[in-house]
Protein backbone atom coordinates (compact mmCIF):
# COMPACT_ATOMS: atom_id res chain seq x y z
CA GLY A 1 -170.68 95.94 -90.41
CA GLN A 2 -170.43 96.59 -86.76
CA GLU A 3 -166.66 96.13 -86.78
CA ASP A 4 -165.94 98.71 -89.49
CA GLN A 5 -168.21 101.25 -87.42
CA VAL A 6 -166.15 100.41 -84.32
CA ASP A 7 -162.98 101.28 -86.08
CA GLU A 8 -164.28 104.48 -87.59
CA GLU A 9 -165.55 105.46 -83.97
CA GLU A 10 -162.05 104.85 -82.44
CA GLU A 11 -160.19 107.10 -85.50
CA GLU A 12 -162.82 110.09 -84.62
CA THR A 13 -161.94 109.52 -80.84
CA GLU A 14 -158.13 110.02 -81.36
CA GLU A 15 -158.68 112.95 -83.54
CA THR A 16 -160.67 114.57 -81.14
CA THR A 17 -158.42 113.98 -78.53
CA ALA A 18 -155.27 115.47 -80.71
CA GLU A 19 -157.31 118.75 -81.17
CA GLU A 20 -157.91 119.17 -77.64
CA GLN A 21 -154.42 118.52 -76.47
CA GLU A 22 -153.20 121.31 -79.23
CA ASP A 23 -155.92 123.67 -77.84
CA GLU A 24 -154.41 123.29 -74.23
CA THR A 25 -150.88 124.07 -75.69
CA LYS A 26 -151.63 127.13 -77.41
CA ALA A 27 -153.80 128.98 -74.61
CA PRO A 28 -150.88 130.17 -72.03
CA GLY A 29 -148.77 131.80 -75.00
CA GLU A 30 -151.85 133.52 -76.57
CA GLY A 31 -153.17 135.45 -73.30
CA GLY A 32 -149.36 136.92 -72.35
CA GLU A 33 -148.56 138.19 -75.95
CA GLY A 34 -151.27 140.48 -76.11
CA ASP A 35 -151.44 142.34 -72.52
CA ARG A 36 -147.84 143.31 -71.95
CA GLU A 37 -144.30 143.20 -73.42
CA GLN A 38 -141.75 141.10 -71.72
CA GLU A 39 -139.32 142.77 -69.51
CA PRO A 40 -135.64 142.37 -69.09
CA GLY A 41 -134.62 139.25 -67.02
CA GLU A 42 -137.84 137.75 -66.98
CA GLY A 43 -136.71 134.89 -69.40
CA GLU A 44 -134.23 133.58 -66.85
CA SER A 45 -136.97 132.97 -64.21
CA LYS A 46 -139.29 131.47 -67.00
CA PRO A 47 -141.43 128.68 -65.45
CA LYS A 48 -140.51 125.08 -66.60
CA PRO A 49 -143.24 123.73 -68.89
CA LYS A 50 -145.52 121.00 -67.38
CA PRO A 51 -145.26 117.55 -68.59
CA PHE A 52 -147.75 116.48 -71.25
CA MET A 53 -150.62 114.48 -70.20
CA PRO A 54 -153.06 113.17 -72.80
CA ASN A 55 -156.83 112.97 -71.80
CA LEU A 56 -158.12 109.65 -72.59
CA VAL A 57 -161.84 110.04 -73.98
CA PRO A 58 -163.71 106.70 -74.06
CA PRO A 59 -165.02 106.18 -77.63
CA LYS A 60 -168.04 107.50 -78.35
CA ILE A 61 -170.89 104.82 -79.49
CA PRO A 62 -173.41 106.47 -82.12
CA ASP A 63 -176.88 107.18 -80.67
CA GLY A 64 -179.32 104.55 -81.07
CA GLU A 65 -176.98 101.75 -81.79
CA ARG A 66 -175.50 99.29 -79.49
CA LEU A 67 -172.17 96.81 -80.01
CA ASP A 68 -172.90 93.22 -79.80
CA PHE A 69 -169.63 91.79 -78.54
CA ASP A 70 -171.20 88.42 -78.59
CA ASP A 71 -172.09 88.65 -82.16
CA ILE A 72 -168.37 89.92 -82.94
CA HIS A 73 -166.86 87.12 -80.95
CA ARG A 74 -169.18 84.44 -82.71
CA LYS A 75 -168.08 85.88 -86.02
CA ARG A 76 -164.56 85.61 -85.04
CA MET A 77 -165.05 81.98 -83.83
CA GLU A 78 -166.70 81.11 -87.05
CA LYS A 79 -163.92 82.90 -89.10
CA ASP A 80 -161.48 80.85 -87.13
CA LEU A 81 -163.71 77.62 -87.52
CA ASN A 82 -164.02 78.11 -91.28
CA GLU A 83 -160.30 78.61 -91.40
CA LEU A 84 -159.65 75.58 -89.30
CA GLN A 85 -161.99 73.79 -91.61
CA ALA A 86 -160.22 74.89 -94.65
CA LEU A 87 -157.00 73.48 -93.19
CA ILE A 88 -158.54 70.33 -92.13
CA GLU A 89 -160.23 69.62 -95.71
CA ALA A 90 -156.70 70.65 -97.37
CA HIS A 91 -155.02 67.88 -95.02
CA PHE A 92 -157.51 65.41 -95.72
CA GLU A 93 -157.17 66.09 -99.50
CA SER A 94 -153.42 65.72 -99.40
CA ARG A 95 -153.92 62.33 -97.50
CA LYS A 96 -156.09 61.35 -100.38
CA LYS A 97 -153.73 62.42 -102.74
CA GLU A 98 -150.98 60.42 -101.03
CA GLU A 99 -153.10 57.27 -100.49
CA GLU A 100 -154.18 57.14 -104.36
CA GLU A 101 -150.73 57.48 -105.10
CA LEU A 102 -149.63 54.69 -102.93
CA ILE A 103 -152.52 52.50 -104.58
CA SER A 104 -151.30 53.47 -107.91
CA LEU A 105 -147.78 52.66 -106.79
CA LYS A 106 -148.96 49.12 -105.46
CA ASP A 107 -150.76 48.67 -108.46
CA ARG A 108 -147.90 49.29 -110.76
CA ILE A 109 -145.57 47.04 -108.46
CA GLU A 110 -148.09 44.26 -108.88
CA GLN A 111 -148.44 44.45 -112.51
CA ARG A 112 -144.76 44.61 -112.89
CA ARG A 113 -144.26 41.87 -110.87
CA ALA A 114 -147.29 39.99 -112.75
CA GLU A 115 -145.33 40.83 -116.28
CA ARG A 116 -142.12 39.70 -114.53
CA ALA A 117 -143.87 36.32 -113.61
CA GLU A 118 -144.94 36.10 -117.37
CA GLN A 119 -141.73 36.90 -118.96
CA GLN A 120 -140.19 34.19 -116.63
CA ARG A 121 -142.97 31.69 -117.72
CA ILE A 122 -142.44 32.43 -121.47
CA ARG A 123 -138.58 32.16 -121.13
CA SER A 124 -139.02 28.85 -119.30
CA GLU A 125 -141.45 27.40 -122.01
CA ARG A 126 -139.09 28.60 -124.52
CA GLU A 127 -136.30 26.70 -122.86
CA LYS A 128 -138.06 23.80 -122.71
CA GLU A 129 -139.05 23.68 -126.16
CA ARG A 130 -134.97 24.37 -127.06
CA GLN A 131 -134.10 21.55 -124.79
CA ALA A 132 -136.80 19.37 -126.60
CA ARG A 133 -135.75 20.22 -130.09
CA MET A 134 -132.07 19.73 -129.10
CA ALA A 135 -132.99 16.22 -127.77
CA GLU A 136 -135.24 15.48 -130.81
CA GLU A 137 -132.05 16.64 -132.93
CA ARG A 138 -129.46 14.29 -131.00
CA ALA A 139 -131.73 11.33 -131.48
CA ARG A 140 -132.52 12.12 -134.92
CA LYS A 141 -128.60 12.47 -135.30
CA GLU A 142 -127.92 9.17 -133.35
CA GLU A 143 -130.50 7.39 -135.51
CA GLU A 144 -128.96 8.67 -138.79
CA GLU A 145 -125.49 7.69 -137.71
CA ALA A 146 -126.76 4.16 -136.45
CA ARG A 147 -128.63 3.84 -140.04
CA LYS A 148 -125.57 5.04 -141.92
CA LYS A 149 -123.15 2.34 -139.82
CA ALA A 150 -125.68 -0.39 -140.46
CA GLU A 151 -125.91 0.51 -144.12
CA GLU A 152 -122.01 0.60 -144.18
CA GLU A 153 -121.56 -2.92 -142.61
CA ALA A 154 -124.31 -4.18 -144.88
CA ARG A 155 -122.12 -2.61 -147.72
CA LYS A 156 -119.08 -3.96 -146.37
CA LYS A 157 -120.24 -7.13 -146.14
CA LYS A 158 -121.94 -7.49 -149.65
CA ALA A 159 -118.57 -5.96 -151.27
CA PHE A 160 -116.57 -8.95 -149.57
CA SER A 161 -119.06 -11.34 -150.59
CA ASN A 162 -118.65 -10.00 -154.17
CA MET A 163 -115.26 -10.38 -153.84
CA LEU A 164 -115.35 -13.79 -152.79
CA HIS A 165 -117.75 -14.56 -155.42
CA PHE A 166 -115.81 -12.84 -158.17
CA GLY A 167 -112.60 -14.78 -156.97
CA GLY A 168 -114.43 -17.88 -157.45
CA TYR A 169 -116.11 -16.75 -160.91
CA MET A 170 -112.39 -15.77 -161.88
CA GLN A 171 -111.05 -19.21 -161.00
CA LYS A 172 -113.81 -20.79 -162.65
CA SER A 173 -113.43 -18.81 -166.02
CA GLU A 174 -109.74 -19.25 -165.75
CA LYS A 175 -110.15 -22.99 -165.79
CA LYS A 176 -112.80 -22.77 -168.54
CA GLY A 177 -111.44 -20.46 -170.83
CA GLY A 178 -107.68 -20.61 -169.74
CA LYS A 179 -107.58 -16.65 -169.75
CA LYS A 180 -105.56 -15.12 -167.10
CA GLN A 181 -105.98 -11.57 -165.59
CA THR A 182 -103.56 -9.88 -163.74
CA GLU A 183 -103.76 -8.46 -160.10
CA ARG A 184 -104.46 -4.65 -160.97
CA GLU A 185 -106.99 -5.77 -163.54
CA LYS A 186 -108.93 -7.51 -160.72
CA LYS A 187 -108.83 -4.51 -158.82
CA LYS A 188 -109.90 -2.20 -161.31
CA LYS A 189 -112.77 -4.52 -162.00
CA ILE A 190 -113.79 -4.56 -158.31
CA LEU A 191 -113.43 -0.84 -157.94
CA SER A 192 -115.44 -0.28 -160.93
CA GLU A 193 -118.17 -2.39 -159.60
CA ARG A 194 -117.96 -0.69 -156.05
CA ARG A 195 -117.25 2.84 -157.15
CA LYS A 196 -120.30 4.93 -157.33
CA PRO A 197 -121.11 7.99 -159.09
CA LEU A 198 -121.26 11.38 -157.42
CA ASN A 199 -124.29 13.55 -157.90
CA ILE A 200 -123.62 16.68 -156.02
CA ASP A 201 -124.25 19.47 -158.39
CA HIS A 202 -127.96 20.00 -156.64
CA LEU A 203 -126.50 19.71 -153.09
CA SER A 204 -126.42 22.65 -150.73
CA GLU A 205 -123.53 24.16 -148.92
CA ASP A 206 -124.75 21.68 -145.80
CA LYS A 207 -125.27 18.84 -147.84
CA LEU A 208 -122.05 19.09 -149.52
CA ARG A 209 -120.27 18.95 -146.15
CA ASP A 210 -122.27 15.92 -144.95
CA LYS A 211 -121.56 14.24 -148.31
CA ALA A 212 -117.77 15.13 -147.69
CA LYS A 213 -117.88 13.57 -143.97
CA GLU A 214 -119.80 10.45 -145.51
CA LEU A 215 -117.05 10.04 -148.06
CA TRP A 216 -114.45 10.49 -145.44
CA GLN A 217 -116.20 7.85 -143.08
CA THR A 218 -116.30 5.47 -146.21
CA ILE A 219 -112.52 5.81 -146.79
CA ARG A 220 -111.90 5.42 -143.30
CA ASP A 221 -113.90 2.25 -143.47
CA LEU A 222 -112.54 1.00 -146.58
CA GLU A 223 -108.83 1.51 -144.85
CA ALA A 224 -109.95 -0.46 -141.96
CA GLU A 225 -111.41 -3.10 -144.14
CA LYS A 226 -108.17 -3.33 -146.11
CA PHE A 227 -106.34 -3.91 -142.67
CA ASP A 228 -108.50 -6.35 -141.46
CA LEU A 229 -108.30 -8.21 -145.08
CA GLN A 230 -104.37 -7.90 -144.95
CA GLU A 231 -104.31 -9.18 -141.57
CA LYS A 232 -106.73 -12.11 -142.33
CA PHE A 233 -104.78 -12.70 -145.20
CA LYS A 234 -101.40 -13.01 -143.44
CA ARG A 235 -102.87 -15.44 -140.91
CA GLN A 236 -104.69 -17.61 -143.61
CA LYS A 237 -101.17 -17.63 -145.11
CA TYR A 238 -99.24 -18.83 -141.86
CA GLU A 239 -102.16 -21.12 -141.19
CA ILE A 240 -101.76 -22.93 -144.77
CA ASN A 241 -98.08 -22.85 -144.33
CA VAL A 242 -98.27 -24.46 -140.78
CA LEU A 243 -100.79 -27.05 -142.42
CA ARG A 244 -98.32 -27.62 -145.21
CA ASN A 245 -95.43 -28.25 -142.90
CA ARG A 246 -97.57 -30.54 -141.07
CA VAL A 247 -98.69 -32.55 -144.11
CA SER A 248 -95.02 -32.73 -145.39
CA ASP A 249 -94.08 -34.09 -142.00
CA HIS A 250 -96.80 -36.74 -142.11
CA GLN A 251 -95.92 -37.77 -145.70
CA LYS A 252 -92.35 -38.29 -144.52
CA VAL A 253 -93.10 -40.27 -141.45
CA SER A 254 -95.83 -42.49 -143.64
CA LYS A 255 -92.69 -43.13 -146.51
CA ALA A 256 -90.27 -44.05 -143.73
CA ALA A 257 -92.63 -46.48 -142.26
CA ARG A 258 -93.82 -48.06 -145.64
CA GLY A 259 -89.99 -48.91 -146.25
CA LYS A 260 -89.31 -50.72 -143.05
CA THR A 261 -90.03 -54.75 -142.88
CA MET A 262 -91.06 -56.40 -139.57
CA VAL A 263 -89.15 -59.17 -138.49
CA GLY A 264 -89.70 -60.75 -135.13
CA GLY A 265 -92.58 -58.66 -134.33
CA ARG A 266 -90.19 -55.42 -134.97
CA TRP A 267 -89.61 -52.87 -137.85
CA LYS A 268 -86.34 -53.39 -139.77
């Protein structure tokens, strides 16, 4: 509007000033050339040209119009204010985005922290369950071992009792029938009674291992029982020999005492 009009007036003023300066520069030359010819020697005494002095002409204001500088200043202030307002809005928009990103980051951190806490809780529960299963497994194995040990002890006692009863039965049968059995036959009969058939065709690999361990433990127990019986037999044999010697000595003393006669209150 008015600013564009002021710019156009300034351009017109500059063009008018340039035309006037051009006319003043051409004026002295045009009058001398038409009246006379240049005489010899006049070129040396030619006067020096005057320095160029531009004529400053104030800008023309169109008739019927007045420039409102207050309005121009007001518009410039409004423009600056709008630019400042735009910068402020952009700044606050950037701050808002940064705050939203910060809030989002905090939310992600809290979510990750909660996920880690949940994972730690799950791991703790799984560890407790694993420890409980291990404790139950240990208790079950200990109970199984105690049961097997008790069964083995009962089996040993039963086998020993059967051996004793079998020995008494054999003695009675020998007395009644007069039949004799060798020591090998006795062992074979005892082993046939104590030996159990193995039924392992349907067992899995783990069960076979358990069965092998059980058989190995049975062999160890039998060897221990054998050793105990041998030691017991040795002690009994030693005691029998000691008792026999005592009986023999006692019989000798008794015979010697019966062979003497008492004379005058003394044995002779």
